[in-house]
């Protein structure tokens, strides 16, 4: 492993610790990965140097040359090209970006549901596996030390109850014997459910829980993990149907196929690292702006639905008030009819007692009027029952409508929160883009000044060479003259 570990000027205990943490993806540590459009460019770290080779030059020019080099070092002081963990995080983020972009484009061009044999999809799962393995802590068991990303994925079930179905399905799958196989199955099920981005954001936001499984400088603990979680949102546009019953997920070897992403070396040597970073930031900014537009449209649609529900709620409230007034009026009519009926009955009884020989025709008319009042009372009671039933139905409808409005309001608040987060991220990306452009411009100015100094030193060297030739000719002529004088003296 000595030839694979990064070279440093003085070995320290930190070097051994970093080497042990980066052992699984050490083959990426000797290269710096940059994105150029749709391709991946690799450059060896040994080829990257911040200090130029000393050259003999004029004393006054050499002082200016040293000042320019120190300015370039001050511009790059925020980066440490010899830190393998930071390089691994950047490499894995670029690989995730390329694999997600290639998967989306190829899936849209294919125009059908993806299956397990689709090569870009397989490479995406391999890249995600490397991202989740980066910086994992070793767990000691009775079989020895073990590293598995299944532990962090199990946290999603505790943070998001919706993920309980995926976790239960993974545990019920036959043939899965190792935590690695269960973690791979979980990734595939989350992709089919189109919830992979949401679940990754959930666990990345809980750094206090992730610290139990990852080192402090792991990808999931740094800003690169949040960027990858944002990139995963684009996978919601593709459909996948993956059968895992006959697939051996425990013993698969996850190796990244760089041939799918690498570009020709001659072209990659022409691109600079600063241009690659600016391109990556601009791509991310455009993607966030597009996602921001989609979320704004969704928020507007939900707001329109909430306004319509509020209007319907107001209308139902007015109808309920009218029904309540109608019920009160009917109850008053019923009481009045009862009082009139009791008065008529009492009057008929008094009349029958006072005059037993009263006219039978008057008694018949009184009985007929009493029968009509009784029928009217029954009709009023029936109408009152109908109105009470309508009132109960309207109250139930109002409760259901209020519940629906509360759910829509919660969804609207959540979408507004996501929109604010995306605006914040968009602003940060804009600031980073401006700072990168300023840094690139300063570097270009310094390089042009260096080239001018180099040309001046070259012209000085040519003048010195011409003067040296002239002096050599004069020396030869003097030697020949001296030889002739010596011959004459002899």
Protein backbone atom coordinates (compact mmCIF):
# COMPACT_ATOMS: atom_id res chain seq x y z
CA UNK A 1 0.00 0.00 0.00
CA UNK A 2 3.00 2.31 0.24
CA UNK A 3 2.95 3.08 -3.45
CA UNK A 4 -0.79 3.92 -3.34
CA UNK A 5 -0.81 6.29 -0.39
CA UNK A 6 -0.44 10.01 -1.14
CA UNK A 7 3.09 11.39 -0.76
CA UNK A 8 3.67 13.99 1.95
CA UNK A 9 6.71 15.89 3.07
CA UNK A 10 6.71 14.55 6.67
CA UNK A 11 4.77 11.43 7.82
CA UNK A 12 2.30 12.11 10.62
CA UNK A 13 -0.25 9.95 12.51
CA UNK A 14 -2.99 11.72 10.52
CA UNK A 15 -1.66 10.22 7.29
CA UNK A 16 -2.17 6.64 8.52
CA UNK A 17 -5.68 7.48 9.72
CA UNK A 18 -6.66 9.03 6.39
CA UNK A 19 -5.17 6.09 4.47
CA UNK A 20 -7.15 3.59 6.54
CA UNK A 21 -10.40 5.54 6.04
CA UNK A 22 -9.89 5.77 2.25
CA UNK A 23 -8.76 2.15 1.69
CA UNK A 24 -11.91 0.99 -0.13
CA UNK A 25 -11.71 3.71 -2.83
CA UNK A 26 -7.97 4.36 -2.76
CA UNK A 27 -7.75 3.99 -6.51
CA UNK A 28 -9.43 7.40 -6.83
CA UNK A 29 -6.94 9.14 -4.55
CA UNK A 30 -4.14 9.41 -7.10
CA UNK A 31 -6.33 11.38 -9.49
CA UNK A 32 -8.32 14.58 -9.49
CA UNK A 33 -11.68 14.20 -11.23
CA UNK A 34 -13.29 17.13 -13.07
CA UNK A 35 -16.42 17.34 -15.20
CA UNK A 36 -16.18 18.71 -18.74
CA UNK A 37 -19.67 18.86 -20.23
CA UNK A 38 -20.92 15.27 -20.41
CA UNK A 39 -17.50 13.65 -19.78
CA UNK A 40 -15.24 12.83 -16.88
CA UNK A 41 -11.60 13.99 -16.95
CA UNK A 42 -8.84 12.50 -14.75
CA UNK A 43 -5.49 14.13 -13.94
CA UNK A 44 -2.73 12.62 -11.86
CA UNK A 45 -1.97 14.47 -8.64
CA UNK A 46 1.76 14.32 -9.36
CA UNK A 47 1.13 16.48 -12.42
CA UNK A 48 -0.50 19.21 -10.31
CA UNK A 49 1.95 21.61 -8.73
CA UNK A 50 1.52 25.09 -7.37
CA UNK A 51 5.21 26.08 -7.42
CA UNK A 52 7.11 26.40 -10.73
CA UNK A 53 10.53 24.86 -11.39
CA UNK A 54 13.32 27.35 -10.76
CA UNK A 55 15.01 28.69 -13.87
CA UNK A 56 18.05 30.91 -14.16
CA UNK A 57 16.97 34.42 -14.95
CA UNK A 58 17.72 38.03 -14.33
CA UNK A 59 17.72 39.01 -10.63
CA UNK A 60 15.18 41.85 -10.90
CA UNK A 61 12.80 39.72 -13.01
CA UNK A 62 13.05 36.75 -10.63
CA UNK A 63 11.70 38.82 -7.69
CA UNK A 64 8.61 39.78 -9.70
CA UNK A 65 8.20 36.15 -10.77
CA UNK A 66 8.23 35.00 -7.10
CA UNK A 67 5.62 37.60 -6.15
CA UNK A 68 3.27 36.34 -8.85
CA UNK A 69 3.69 32.73 -7.70
CA UNK A 70 2.88 33.73 -4.12
CA UNK A 71 -0.31 35.43 -5.33
CA UNK A 72 -1.37 32.22 -7.11
CA UNK A 73 -0.74 30.23 -3.94
CA UNK A 74 -2.91 32.68 -1.96
CA UNK A 75 -5.74 32.17 -4.46
CA UNK A 76 -5.56 28.37 -4.04
CA UNK A 77 -5.00 28.31 -0.27
CA UNK A 78 -8.60 27.17 0.37
CA UNK A 79 -7.83 23.87 -1.41
CA UNK A 80 -5.48 21.14 -0.29
CA UNK A 81 -4.49 19.01 -3.30
CA UNK A 82 -2.82 16.49 -1.01
CA UNK A 83 -5.94 15.72 1.10
CA UNK A 84 -7.20 12.33 -0.22
CA UNK A 85 -10.53 12.46 1.62
CA UNK A 86 -11.52 15.80 0.06
CA UNK A 87 -10.47 14.52 -3.37
CA UNK A 88 -12.54 11.35 -2.89
CA UNK A 89 -15.61 13.38 -1.97
CA UNK A 90 -15.23 15.59 -5.05
CA UNK A 91 -14.64 12.54 -7.28
CA UNK A 92 -17.67 10.68 -5.94
CA UNK A 93 -19.89 13.77 -6.31
CA UNK A 94 -18.80 14.19 -9.95
CA UNK A 95 -19.32 10.48 -10.63
CA UNK A 96 -22.81 10.66 -9.09
CA UNK A 97 -23.64 13.67 -11.23
CA UNK A 98 -22.49 11.96 -14.44
CA UNK A 99 -24.21 8.66 -13.65
CA UNK A 100 -27.53 10.37 -12.78
CA UNK A 101 -27.40 12.60 -15.85
CA UNK A 102 -26.49 9.70 -18.15
CA UNK A 103 -29.20 7.49 -16.63
CA UNK A 104 -31.91 10.12 -17.09
CA UNK A 105 -30.93 10.93 -20.69
CA UNK A 106 -30.60 7.28 -21.74
CA UNK A 107 -33.87 6.34 -20.02
CA UNK A 108 -35.78 9.16 -21.74
CA UNK A 109 -34.28 8.21 -25.10
CA UNK A 110 -35.12 4.53 -24.47
CA UNK A 111 -38.75 5.35 -23.78
CA UNK A 112 -39.65 2.30 -21.67
CA UNK A 113 -39.51 0.97 -18.12
CA UNK A 114 -35.96 0.09 -16.98
CA UNK A 115 -35.03 -3.38 -15.73
CA UNK A 116 -32.14 -4.84 -13.71
CA UNK A 117 -29.96 -5.57 -16.78
CA UNK A 118 -29.79 -1.93 -17.91
CA UNK A 119 -26.09 -0.95 -17.76
CA UNK A 120 -26.45 2.78 -16.78
CA UNK A 121 -28.81 1.77 -13.98
CA UNK A 122 -26.32 -0.80 -12.69
CA UNK A 123 -23.54 1.80 -12.73
CA UNK A 124 -25.77 4.25 -10.84
CA UNK A 125 -26.29 1.75 -8.02
CA UNK A 126 -22.53 1.06 -7.91
CA UNK A 127 -21.77 4.80 -7.59
CA UNK A 128 -24.42 5.22 -4.87
CA UNK A 129 -22.92 2.26 -3.02
CA UNK A 130 -19.46 3.89 -3.07
CA UNK A 131 -20.97 7.20 -1.87
CA UNK A 132 -22.70 5.50 1.07
CA UNK A 133 -19.56 3.51 1.95
CA UNK A 134 -17.31 6.57 2.04
CA UNK A 135 -16.06 7.25 5.57
CA UNK A 136 -17.98 4.40 7.26
CA UNK A 137 -16.84 3.45 10.74
CA UNK A 138 -15.83 -0.14 11.40
CA UNK A 139 -18.26 -2.08 13.60
CA UNK A 140 -16.76 -4.82 15.76
CA UNK A 141 -18.77 -8.06 15.82
CA UNK A 142 -18.01 -11.59 16.95
CA UNK A 143 -16.99 -12.35 13.33
CA UNK A 144 -14.57 -9.40 13.19
CA UNK A 145 -14.80 -5.84 11.90
CA UNK A 146 -17.60 -5.04 9.50
CA UNK A 147 -18.46 -1.99 7.35
CA UNK A 148 -22.01 -1.74 6.01
CA UNK A 149 -24.25 1.14 4.95
CA UNK A 150 -27.37 -0.80 5.95
CA UNK A 151 -27.25 0.77 9.41
CA UNK A 152 -27.69 4.40 8.20
CA UNK A 153 -30.47 3.32 5.81
CA UNK A 154 -32.39 1.76 8.70
CA UNK A 155 -32.56 5.22 10.30
CA UNK A 156 -34.97 6.35 7.55
CA UNK A 157 -37.70 4.13 9.01
CA UNK A 158 -37.45 5.98 12.33
CA UNK A 159 -37.40 9.45 10.74
CA UNK A 160 -40.00 8.81 8.00
CA UNK A 161 -42.81 6.30 8.75
CA UNK A 162 -43.46 5.90 5.01
CA UNK A 163 -40.13 4.08 4.66
CA UNK A 164 -41.29 1.30 7.01
CA UNK A 165 -42.85 -0.53 4.07
CA UNK A 166 -39.53 -0.65 2.19
CA UNK A 167 -37.59 -1.81 5.25
CA UNK A 168 -40.14 -4.56 5.95
CA UNK A 169 -40.03 -5.68 2.31
CA UNK A 170 -36.21 -5.86 2.40
CA UNK A 171 -36.26 -7.95 5.58
CA UNK A 172 -38.85 -10.32 4.07
CA UNK A 173 -36.91 -10.89 0.82
CA UNK A 174 -35.60 -14.48 0.65
CA UNK A 175 -31.93 -15.06 -0.07
CA UNK A 176 -30.54 -11.88 1.52
CA UNK A 177 -28.03 -12.95 4.16
CA UNK A 178 -25.70 -9.94 4.55
CA UNK A 179 -26.27 -6.27 5.45
CA UNK A 180 -24.66 -5.31 2.13
CA UNK A 181 -27.33 -7.22 0.19
CA UNK A 182 -30.11 -5.64 2.25
CA UNK A 183 -28.68 -2.16 1.62
CA UNK A 184 -28.56 -2.78 -2.14
CA UNK A 185 -32.15 -4.06 -2.12
CA UNK A 186 -33.25 -0.97 -0.16
CA UNK A 187 -31.74 1.35 -2.79
CA UNK A 188 -33.57 -0.45 -5.59
CA UNK A 189 -36.93 -0.40 -3.82
CA UNK A 190 -36.57 3.30 -2.95
CA UNK A 191 -35.80 4.10 -6.61
CA UNK A 192 -38.90 2.18 -7.78
CA UNK A 193 -40.98 4.06 -5.19
CA UNK A 194 -39.50 7.40 -6.43
CA UNK A 195 -38.65 8.38 -2.86
CA UNK A 196 -34.86 7.95 -2.92
CA UNK A 197 -34.16 11.70 -2.93
CA UNK A 198 -36.57 12.38 -0.04
CA UNK A 199 -35.12 9.58 2.09
CA UNK A 200 -31.53 10.70 1.45
CA UNK A 201 -32.39 14.29 2.42
CA UNK A 202 -34.05 13.00 5.60
CA UNK A 203 -30.96 11.19 6.87
CA UNK A 204 -28.47 13.83 5.68
CA UNK A 205 -30.29 16.48 7.70
CA UNK A 206 -29.71 14.42 10.88
CA UNK A 207 -25.94 14.68 11.25
CA UNK A 208 -26.27 13.85 14.94
CA UNK A 209 -27.55 10.36 14.08
CA UNK A 210 -25.17 9.82 11.14
CA UNK A 211 -22.14 10.54 13.32
CA UNK A 212 -22.64 7.10 14.90
CA UNK A 213 -21.92 5.43 11.55
CA UNK A 214 -19.64 7.87 9.64
CA UNK A 215 -16.38 9.68 10.22
CA UNK A 216 -16.61 13.50 10.49
CA UNK A 217 -15.03 13.97 7.03
CA UNK A 218 -17.23 11.39 5.26
CA UNK A 219 -19.23 12.33 2.17
CA UNK A 220 -22.59 11.96 3.96
CA UNK A 221 -21.40 14.41 6.66
CA UNK A 222 -20.20 17.11 4.24
CA UNK A 223 -21.77 19.43 1.67
CA UNK A 224 -21.22 16.94 -1.18
CA UNK A 225 -23.80 14.59 0.35
CA UNK A 226 -26.49 17.30 0.26
CA UNK A 227 -25.62 18.05 -3.40
CA UNK A 228 -26.01 14.37 -4.34
CA UNK A 229 -29.37 14.22 -2.52
CA UNK A 230 -30.53 17.21 -4.59
CA UNK A 231 -29.37 15.55 -7.82
CA UNK A 232 -31.44 12.45 -7.03
CA UNK A 233 -34.66 14.46 -7.49
CA UNK A 234 -34.23 14.14 -11.26
CA UNK A 235 -34.65 10.34 -11.06
CA UNK A 236 -38.37 10.79 -10.33
CA UNK A 237 -39.00 11.17 -14.08
CA UNK A 238 -37.96 7.57 -14.88
CA UNK A 239 -39.81 4.31 -14.22
CA UNK A 240 -38.01 1.15 -13.10
CA UNK A 241 -39.28 -2.40 -12.58
CA UNK A 242 -36.56 -4.39 -10.81
CA UNK A 243 -36.95 -8.05 -9.85
CA UNK A 244 -34.67 -8.95 -6.92
CA UNK A 245 -35.80 -12.47 -6.04
CA UNK A 246 -33.41 -14.23 -8.42
CA UNK A 247 -30.59 -11.67 -8.14
CA UNK A 248 -27.57 -12.35 -5.92
CA UNK A 249 -27.14 -9.00 -4.17
CA UNK A 250 -24.88 -10.35 -1.41
CA UNK A 251 -21.89 -11.33 -3.53
CA UNK A 252 -21.96 -8.75 -6.34
CA UNK A 253 -18.72 -6.80 -6.86
CA UNK A 254 -19.39 -3.07 -7.18
CA UNK A 255 -16.80 -1.65 -9.60
CA UNK A 256 -17.26 1.69 -11.35
CA UNK A 257 -16.87 1.44 -15.14
CA UNK A 258 -14.99 4.66 -15.97
CA UNK A 259 -15.05 3.86 -19.70
CA UNK A 260 -18.67 5.07 -19.81
CA UNK A 261 -17.68 8.56 -18.64
CA UNK A 262 -13.99 9.13 -19.52
CA UNK A 263 -13.04 11.53 -22.29
CA UNK A 264 -9.97 11.57 -24.56
CA UNK A 265 -6.82 12.52 -22.62
CA UNK A 266 -5.59 15.06 -25.20
CA UNK A 267 -8.78 17.07 -24.83
CA UNK A 268 -8.92 16.75 -21.06
CA UNK A 269 -5.41 18.15 -20.70
CA UNK A 270 -6.59 21.40 -22.32
CA UNK A 271 -9.36 22.00 -19.74
CA UNK A 272 -8.45 23.50 -16.39
CA UNK A 273 -9.81 22.57 -13.01
CA UNK A 274 -11.35 25.98 -12.51
CA UNK A 275 -13.41 25.70 -15.70
CA UNK A 276 -14.68 22.28 -14.57
CA UNK A 277 -15.80 23.67 -11.23
CA UNK A 278 -17.57 26.62 -12.85
CA UNK A 279 -19.36 24.29 -15.28
CA UNK A 280 -20.48 22.03 -12.44
CA UNK A 281 -21.77 25.01 -10.42
CA UNK A 282 -23.63 26.46 -13.41
CA UNK A 283 -25.23 23.07 -14.21
CA UNK A 284 -26.34 22.73 -10.59
CA UNK A 285 -27.67 26.29 -10.61
CA UNK A 286 -29.71 25.67 -13.79
CA UNK A 287 -31.10 22.45 -12.33
CA UNK A 288 -32.11 24.19 -9.08
CA UNK A 289 -33.78 27.00 -11.03
CA UNK A 290 -35.77 24.49 -13.09
CA UNK A 291 -36.83 22.67 -9.93
CA UNK A 292 -37.71 26.04 -8.39
CA UNK A 293 -40.01 26.82 -11.32
CA UNK A 294 -41.76 23.46 -10.99
CA UNK A 295 -42.27 23.97 -7.25
CA UNK A 296 -43.61 27.50 -7.83
CA UNK A 297 -46.17 26.13 -10.30
CA UNK A 298 -47.19 23.44 -7.79
CA UNK A 299 -47.56 26.06 -5.04
CA UNK A 300 -49.74 28.22 -7.31
CA UNK A 301 -51.98 25.26 -8.17
CA UNK A 302 -52.37 24.34 -4.51
CA UNK A 303 -53.12 27.95 -3.62
CA UNK A 304 -55.88 28.04 -6.28
CA UNK A 305 -57.36 24.82 -4.87
CA UNK A 306 -57.27 26.25 -1.34
CA UNK A 307 -59.07 29.42 -2.54
CA UNK A 308 -61.76 27.31 -4.22
CA UNK A 309 -62.20 25.23 -1.06
CA UNK A 310 -62.49 28.40 1.04
CA UNK A 311 -65.21 29.75 -1.27
CA UNK A 312 -67.07 26.42 -1.06
CA UNK A 313 -66.69 26.48 2.72
CA UNK A 314 -68.17 29.99 2.89
CA UNK A 315 -71.11 28.94 0.74
CA UNK A 316 -71.82 25.89 2.88
CA UNK A 317 -71.61 28.04 6.04
CA UNK A 318 -74.24 30.40 4.64
CA UNK A 319 -76.51 27.49 3.69
CA UNK A 320 -76.09 26.06 7.19
CA UNK A 321 -77.10 29.38 8.75
CA UNK A 322 -80.22 29.52 6.53
CA UNK A 323 -81.11 25.95 7.53
CA UNK A 324 -80.70 26.79 11.23
CA UNK A 325 -83.02 29.79 10.85
CA UNK A 326 -85.55 27.59 9.05
CA UNK A 327 -85.42 25.01 11.88
CA UNK A 328 -85.97 27.72 14.51
CA UNK A 329 -89.01 29.05 12.57
CA UNK A 330 -90.50 25.56 12.26
CA UNK A 331 -90.01 24.93 15.98
CA UNK A 332 -91.84 28.19 16.77
CA UNK A 333 -94.70 27.21 14.42
CA UNK A 334 -94.89 23.80 16.10
CA UNK A 335 -95.17 25.37 19.55
CA UNK A 336 -97.89 27.73 18.33
CA UNK A 337 -99.88 24.85 16.79
CA UNK A 338 -99.58 22.88 20.04
CA UNK A 339 -100.92 25.84 22.03
CA UNK A 340 -103.83 26.36 19.63
CA UNK A 341 -104.67 22.63 19.67
CA UNK A 342 -104.67 22.50 23.47
CA UNK A 343 -106.85 25.64 23.57
CA UNK A 344 -109.39 24.13 21.16
CA UNK A 345 -109.52 20.86 23.11
CA UNK A 346 -110.10 22.74 26.37
CA UNK A 347 -112.78 24.91 24.76
CA UNK A 348 -114.63 21.86 23.40
CA UNK A 349 -114.57 20.18 26.78
CA UNK A 350 -115.95 23.27 28.54
CA UNK A 351 -118.64 23.62 25.91
CA UNK A 352 -119.67 19.97 26.29
CA UNK A 353 -119.87 20.32 30.07
CA UNK A 354 -121.78 23.60 30.03
CA UNK A 355 -124.35 22.59 27.46
CA UNK A 356 -124.82 18.85 26.96
CA UNK A 357 -127.44 19.48 24.33
CA UNK A 358 -125.23 21.62 22.11
CA UNK A 359 -125.70 21.52 18.43
CA UNK A 360 -124.06 18.41 16.85
CA UNK A 361 -123.10 20.36 13.76
CA UNK A 362 -120.93 22.76 15.81
CA UNK A 363 -119.26 19.79 17.52
CA UNK A 364 -118.53 18.17 14.16
CA UNK A 365 -116.99 21.33 12.83
CA UNK A 366 -114.85 21.59 15.97
CA UNK A 367 -113.70 17.98 15.60
CA UNK A 368 -112.89 18.56 11.91
CA UNK A 369 -110.85 21.66 12.79
CA UNK A 370 -109.04 19.70 15.52
CA UNK A 371 -108.24 16.92 13.02
CA UNK A 372 -106.82 19.46 10.55
CA UNK A 373 -104.68 21.04 13.27
CA UNK A 374 -103.38 17.58 14.28
CA UNK A 375 -102.48 16.76 10.66
CA UNK A 376 -100.73 20.12 10.31
CA UNK A 377 -98.77 19.36 13.47
CA UNK A 378 -97.65 15.98 12.06
CA UNK A 379 -96.56 17.63 8.80
CA UNK A 380 -94.58 20.25 10.70
CA UNK A 381 -92.86 17.54 12.78
CA UNK A 382 -91.91 15.57 9.64
CA UNK A 383 -90.46 18.69 8.01
CA UNK A 384 -88.57 19.43 11.24
CA UNK A 385 -87.04 15.92 11.19
CA UNK A 386 -86.03 16.38 7.54
CA UNK A 387 -84.40 19.71 8.34
CA UNK A 388 -82.55 18.21 11.34
CA UNK A 389 -81.22 15.38 9.12
CA UNK A 390 -80.05 17.92 6.54
CA UNK A 391 -78.36 19.90 9.30
CA UNK A 392 -76.47 16.82 10.52
CA UNK A 393 -75.35 15.99 6.97
CA UNK A 394 -74.14 19.55 6.43
CA UNK A 395 -72.22 19.51 9.73
CA UNK A 396 -70.51 16.24 8.69
CA UNK A 397 -69.63 17.77 5.30
CA UNK A 398 -68.22 20.83 7.04
CA UNK A 399 -65.99 18.68 9.28
CA UNK A 400 -64.66 16.71 6.27
CA UNK A 401 -64.08 19.94 4.36
CA UNK A 402 -62.18 21.49 7.30
CA UNK A 403 -60.00 18.37 7.56
CA UNK A 404 -59.22 18.51 3.83
CA UNK A 405 -58.38 22.23 4.11
CA UNK A 406 -56.00 21.52 7.01
CA UNK A 407 -54.21 18.81 5.01
CA UNK A 408 -53.90 21.08 1.97
CA UNK A 409 -52.61 23.90 4.16
CA UNK A 410 -49.93 21.62 5.69
CA UNK A 411 -48.86 20.48 2.22
CA UNK A 412 -48.72 24.11 1.07
CA UNK A 413 -46.58 25.10 4.07
CA UNK A 414 -44.19 22.21 3.38
CA UNK A 415 -43.89 23.15 -0.30
CA UNK A 416 -43.22 26.77 0.64
CA UNK A 417 -40.49 25.62 3.01
CA UNK A 418 -38.91 23.53 0.23
CA UNK A 419 -39.19 26.54 -2.10
CA UNK A 420 -37.38 28.76 0.44
CA UNK A 421 -34.66 26.11 0.86
CA UNK A 422 -34.19 25.91 -2.91
CA UNK A 423 -33.99 29.70 -3.17
CA UNK A 424 -31.34 29.73 -0.46
CA UNK A 425 -29.37 27.01 -2.27
CA UNK A 426 -29.75 28.91 -5.55
CA UNK A 427 -28.36 32.06 -3.92
CA UNK A 428 -25.40 30.14 -2.47
CA UNK A 429 -24.66 28.59 -5.87
CA UNK A 430 -24.80 32.05 -7.49
CA UNK A 431 -22.32 33.40 -4.93
CA UNK A 432 -20.01 30.42 -5.53
CA UNK A 433 -20.28 30.90 -9.30
CA UNK A 434 -19.36 34.59 -9.02
CA UNK A 435 -16.42 33.84 -6.72
CA UNK A 436 -15.18 31.09 -9.09
CA UNK A 437 -15.42 33.45 -12.08
CA UNK A 438 -13.51 36.15 -10.18
CA UNK A 439 -10.83 33.66 -9.17
CA UNK A 440 -10.51 32.40 -12.76
CA UNK A 441 -10.18 35.96 -14.06
CA UNK A 442 -7.45 36.75 -11.51
CA UNK A 443 -5.60 33.57 -12.44
CA UNK A 444 -5.84 34.43 -16.13
CA UNK A 445 -4.37 37.89 -15.46
CA UNK A 446 -1.55 36.40 -13.42
CA UNK A 447 -0.82 33.80 -16.12
CA UNK A 448 -0.68 36.53 -18.79
CA UNK A 449 1.76 38.51 -16.63
CA UNK A 450 3.84 35.36 -16.12
CA UNK A 451 3.93 34.79 -19.87
CA UNK A 452 5.10 38.39 -20.42
CA UNK A 453 7.84 37.96 -17.83
CA UNK A 454 8.84 34.66 -19.46
CA UNK A 455 9.06 36.33 -22.88
CA UNK A 456 11.18 39.15 -21.42
CA UNK A 457 13.54 36.65 -19.75
CA UNK A 458 13.78 34.71 -23.05
CA UNK A 459 14.74 37.86 -24.93
CA UNK A 460 17.35 38.69 -22.25
CA UNK A 461 18.76 35.15 -22.53
CA UNK A 462 18.97 35.51 -26.34
CA UNK A 463 20.82 38.84 -25.97
CA UNK A 464 23.24 37.24 -23.49
CA UNK A 465 23.82 34.35 -25.89
CA UNK A 466 24.50 36.73 -28.81
CA UNK A 467 26.89 38.80 -26.65
CA UNK A 468 28.58 35.57 -25.53
CA UNK A 469 29.06 34.56 -29.17
CA UNK A 470 30.52 37.98 -29.98
CA UNK A 471 32.89 37.73 -27.02
CA UNK A 472 33.92 34.23 -28.13
CA UNK A 473 34.71 35.55 -31.62
CA UNK A 474 36.72 38.42 -30.14
CA UNK A 475 38.59 35.95 -27.91
CA UNK A 476 39.42 33.76 -30.90
CA UNK A 477 40.65 36.78 -32.87
CA UNK A 478 42.76 37.91 -29.91
CA UNK A 479 44.22 34.42 -29.57
CA UNK A 480 45.13 34.34 -33.24
CA UNK A 481 46.68 37.83 -32.98
CA UNK A 482 48.66 36.80 -29.90
CA UNK A 483 49.92 33.67 -31.71
CA UNK A 484 51.08 35.74 -34.65
CA UNK A 485 52.90 38.18 -32.33
CA UNK A 486 54.62 35.30 -30.56
CA UNK A 487 55.76 33.86 -33.92
CA UNK A 488 57.18 37.20 -34.97
CA UNK A 489 59.03 37.63 -31.67
CA UNK A 490 60.56 34.17 -32.08
